[in-house]
Protein backbone atom coordinates (compact mmCIF):
# COMPACT_ATOMS: atom_id res chain seq x y z
CA MET A 1 -33.05 37.37 -11.70
CA ALA A 2 -30.34 38.63 -14.14
CA ASN A 3 -28.43 36.44 -16.33
CA ARG A 4 -24.75 36.08 -15.82
CA GLY A 5 -22.91 38.95 -17.80
CA GLN A 6 -26.26 40.64 -18.34
CA LEU A 7 -26.05 44.47 -18.36
CA THR A 8 -28.58 45.63 -15.95
CA LYS A 9 -30.02 48.83 -14.83
CA ALA A 10 -28.27 48.63 -11.62
CA ILE A 11 -24.99 48.27 -13.43
CA LYS A 12 -25.75 51.10 -15.51
CA THR A 13 -26.63 53.24 -12.75
CA ARG A 14 -23.61 52.31 -10.64
CA SER A 15 -21.34 53.10 -13.54
CA MET A 16 -22.98 56.45 -13.82
CA GLU A 17 -21.93 57.18 -10.23
CA LEU A 18 -18.62 55.71 -10.47
CA LEU A 19 -17.47 56.85 -14.26
CA HIS A 20 -20.01 59.52 -15.09
CA TRP A 21 -21.17 57.64 -17.99
CA PRO A 22 -23.45 54.46 -18.43
CA VAL A 23 -21.49 51.30 -19.78
CA ASP A 24 -22.79 49.20 -22.45
CA VAL A 25 -22.55 45.48 -23.02
CA VAL A 26 -19.56 45.83 -25.00
CA GLU A 27 -17.42 47.96 -22.34
CA LEU A 28 -18.74 45.57 -19.71
CA ARG A 29 -17.54 42.57 -21.28
CA LEU A 30 -14.20 44.25 -22.29
CA MET A 31 -13.64 45.10 -18.47
CA ALA A 32 -13.97 41.54 -17.67
CA TYR A 33 -11.40 40.66 -20.44
CA VAL A 34 -9.09 43.30 -19.32
CA GLN A 35 -9.35 42.09 -15.81
CA TYR A 36 -8.36 38.73 -16.87
CA LYS A 37 -5.46 40.07 -19.18
CA MET A 38 -4.15 42.12 -16.13
CA VAL A 39 -4.21 39.25 -13.61
CA ASN A 40 -2.59 36.72 -16.16
CA GLU A 41 -0.43 38.46 -18.66
CA GLN A 42 -0.60 42.37 -18.29
CA CYS A 43 -0.80 42.81 -22.14
CA ILE A 44 -3.52 43.08 -24.55
CA GLU A 45 -2.82 42.45 -28.36
CA ARG A 46 -4.73 44.86 -30.33
CA ARG A 47 -5.50 42.03 -32.96
CA HIS A 48 -7.30 40.32 -30.35
CA VAL A 49 -9.81 42.91 -29.88
CA ASN A 50 -12.23 44.21 -32.65
CA ASP A 51 -12.63 47.94 -33.78
CA THR A 52 -15.45 48.73 -31.22
CA GLU A 53 -13.36 47.43 -28.30
CA ARG A 54 -10.32 49.38 -29.58
CA LYS A 55 -12.50 52.46 -29.48
CA VAL A 56 -13.35 51.91 -25.86
CA LEU A 57 -9.69 51.13 -24.94
CA ASP A 58 -8.90 54.43 -26.64
CA LYS A 59 -11.55 56.29 -24.54
CA TRP A 60 -10.24 54.76 -21.26
CA ARG A 61 -6.52 55.64 -22.60
CA LYS A 62 -7.63 59.35 -23.20
CA LEU A 63 -9.18 59.49 -19.79
CA ASP A 64 -5.95 58.29 -18.10
CA LEU A 65 -7.79 55.17 -16.71
CA ILE A 66 -5.24 52.87 -18.56
CA LYS A 67 -1.67 53.14 -20.23
CA MET A 68 -1.07 51.25 -23.27
CA ASP A 69 2.01 50.46 -25.28
CA ASN A 70 0.63 49.25 -28.72
CA THR A 71 3.93 48.18 -30.06
CA ILE A 72 4.26 45.26 -27.44
CA GLY A 73 0.78 45.27 -26.19
CA SER A 74 1.56 46.10 -22.47
CA ILE A 75 -1.28 47.57 -20.40
CA ARG A 76 -1.25 49.30 -16.98
CA ILE A 77 -4.33 50.27 -15.23
CA THR A 78 -4.99 52.90 -12.56
CA LYS A 79 -6.05 51.60 -9.08
CA LYS A 80 -9.33 53.67 -9.10
CA PHE A 81 -10.16 52.20 -12.38
CA TRP A 82 -9.14 48.58 -11.24
CA ASP A 83 -11.65 48.82 -8.39
CA ILE A 84 -14.50 50.27 -10.57
CA ILE A 85 -13.95 47.29 -12.96
CA CYS A 86 -13.92 44.67 -10.24
CA GLU A 87 -17.10 46.37 -8.70
CA LEU A 88 -19.01 46.16 -12.00
CA ILE A 89 -17.79 42.79 -12.89
CA TYR A 90 -18.87 41.57 -9.49
CA MET A 91 -22.36 42.88 -10.13
CA ALA A 92 -22.51 41.39 -13.59
CA TYR A 93 -20.87 38.07 -13.00
CA VAL A 94 -20.87 37.17 -9.29
CA ASP A 95 -23.76 38.54 -7.75
CA ILE A 96 -26.50 37.49 -9.98
CA ASP A 97 -29.46 37.16 -7.45
């Protein structure tokens, strides 16, 4: 039985199917944070994320999965990426059987 928030082989496999790369634990936890921020504020202050997380955000931005305005911290996310994030978060944090 997986622990809540644990990166499992199933999550890596599913992320390969959906994103074409295996997510790591930093990326998985950043997805949960981005989902929370999108639902509640629709902005992410870069000072609230570390360098590793900034690199992940930059990767997503370069892949056109998100749009960020770094001056005001606003973030927009594609519907496709939103659906992927929700599925992976569900696997990691909700469906823990």
